[in-house]
Amino acid sequence: MLLLILIIPIISFSQDPRIDAKKLDSLKQKINHQNNQLRSEQDSFKKKQDSIYYAQMDKRIAKSMQENLEYSRQLEQQHRRQMYIRIAVGTLFLILVILGLIRKRKRN
């Protein structure tokens, strides 16, 4: 009895070994076609993602370069100001030294 209960489900769920070759070929073709469509859609999606990513990266790089250029200009202006201040202070001290020497000579 137990053996009969175990065999009946196996027999009832087994597939028919006579599969039509034409149907099998058409199913294979459909599956291949769908796979090809899926691959092409994935490729086009990836290309779109890459183009968006590269466009964003180009914008970021351009912005970063512009910021760096502006920063270097500010540094250059600051260095020029400091240079002019040093030259002015040095010139002022030179004038004071010359005036001091002239006064010292006049006293002697």
Protein backbone atom coordinates (compact mmCIF):
# COMPACT_ATOMS: atom_id res chain seq x y z
CA MET A 1 0.00 0.00 0.00
CA LEU A 2 2.78 2.40 0.93
CA LEU A 3 4.61 1.58 -2.25
CA LEU A 4 1.50 2.35 -4.29
CA ILE A 5 1.09 5.75 -2.56
CA LEU A 6 4.70 6.66 -3.38
CA ILE A 7 4.60 5.54 -7.03
CA ILE A 8 1.31 7.21 -8.04
CA PRO A 9 2.53 10.82 -7.60
CA ILE A 10 5.75 10.05 -9.46
CA ILE A 11 3.88 8.62 -12.42
CA SER A 12 1.20 11.29 -12.49
CA PHE A 13 3.68 14.20 -12.46
CA SER A 14 6.15 12.77 -14.96
CA GLN A 15 6.38 14.53 -18.33
CA ASP A 16 5.52 13.13 -21.67
CA PRO A 17 8.82 12.13 -23.33
CA ARG A 18 7.41 12.95 -26.76
CA ILE A 19 8.10 16.69 -27.08
CA ASP A 20 7.50 18.21 -30.48
CA ALA A 21 10.87 19.24 -31.99
CA LYS A 22 9.31 22.20 -33.82
CA LYS A 23 7.86 23.59 -30.59
CA LEU A 24 11.17 23.09 -28.85
CA ASP A 25 13.02 24.95 -31.60
CA SER A 26 10.51 27.79 -31.63
CA LEU A 27 10.77 28.07 -27.83
CA LYS A 28 14.57 28.16 -28.05
CA GLN A 29 14.36 30.89 -30.70
CA LYS A 30 11.95 32.93 -28.59
CA ILE A 31 14.18 32.59 -25.56
CA ASN A 32 17.25 33.59 -27.57
CA HIS A 33 15.40 36.54 -29.07
CA GLN A 34 14.22 37.70 -25.65
CA ASN A 35 17.73 37.30 -24.25
CA ASN A 36 19.13 39.37 -27.10
CA GLN A 37 16.52 42.07 -26.55
CA LEU A 38 17.27 42.10 -22.85
CA ARG A 39 21.02 42.41 -23.49
CA SER A 40 20.51 45.24 -25.95
CA GLU A 41 18.23 47.08 -23.49
CA GLN A 42 20.76 46.58 -20.72
CA ASP A 43 23.55 47.87 -22.97
CA SER A 44 21.57 50.94 -23.98
CA PHE A 45 20.65 51.60 -20.34
CA LYS A 46 24.29 51.27 -19.32
CA LYS A 47 25.34 53.66 -22.09
CA LYS A 48 22.78 56.20 -20.92
CA GLN A 49 23.94 55.85 -17.33
CA ASP A 50 27.56 56.25 -18.40
CA SER A 51 26.81 59.31 -20.49
CA ILE A 52 24.93 60.92 -17.59
CA TYR A 53 27.74 60.02 -15.19
CA TYR A 54 30.43 61.40 -17.51
CA ALA A 55 28.45 64.58 -18.08
CA GLN A 56 28.15 65.09 -14.33
CA MET A 57 31.84 64.35 -13.86
CA ASP A 58 32.73 66.86 -16.58
CA LYS A 59 30.66 69.50 -14.79
CA ARG A 60 32.28 68.68 -11.46
CA ILE A 61 35.77 68.79 -12.94
CA ALA A 62 35.07 72.09 -14.70
CA LYS A 63 33.68 73.57 -11.49
CA SER A 64 36.65 72.31 -9.49
CA MET A 65 39.10 73.72 -12.03
CA GLN A 66 37.31 77.07 -11.97
CA GLU A 67 37.41 77.13 -8.17
CA ASN A 68 41.11 76.26 -8.17
CA LEU A 69 41.82 78.96 -10.73
CA GLU A 70 39.92 81.54 -8.69
CA TYR A 71 41.73 80.47 -5.53
CA SER A 72 45.13 80.75 -7.23
CA ARG A 73 44.19 84.23 -8.50
CA GLN A 74 43.26 85.30 -4.98
CA LEU A 75 46.53 83.95 -3.63
CA GLU A 76 48.46 85.77 -6.33
CA GLN A 77 46.68 89.04 -5.53
CA GLN A 78 47.38 88.55 -1.83
CA HIS A 79 51.06 87.88 -2.53
CA ARG A 80 51.27 91.00 -4.71
CA ARG A 81 49.71 93.13 -1.98
CA GLN A 82 52.16 91.76 0.56
CA MET A 83 55.04 92.39 -1.83
CA TYR A 84 53.96 96.00 -2.42
CA ILE A 85 53.58 96.55 1.33
CA ARG A 86 57.08 95.16 1.95
CA ILE A 87 58.52 97.33 -0.80
CA ALA A 88 56.76 100.40 0.61
CA VAL A 89 57.94 99.68 4.17
CA GLY A 90 61.47 99.01 2.93
CA THR A 91 61.46 102.23 0.92
CA LEU A 92 60.14 104.14 3.93
CA PHE A 93 62.91 102.73 6.14
CA LEU A 94 65.48 103.55 3.46
CA ILE A 95 64.20 107.14 3.31
CA LEU A 96 64.33 107.37 7.12
CA VAL A 97 67.90 106.05 7.16
CA ILE A 98 68.93 108.53 4.46
CA LEU A 99 67.22 111.40 6.31
CA GLY A 100 68.92 110.31 9.53
CA LEU A 101 72.30 110.26 7.84
CA ILE A 102 71.72 113.69 6.30
CA ARG A 103 70.74 115.14 9.70
CA LYS A 104 73.76 113.54 11.33
CA ARG A 105 76.07 115.10 8.74
CA LYS A 106 74.46 118.50 9.18
CA ARG A 107 75.05 118.33 12.95
CA ASN A 108 78.72 117.51 12.56
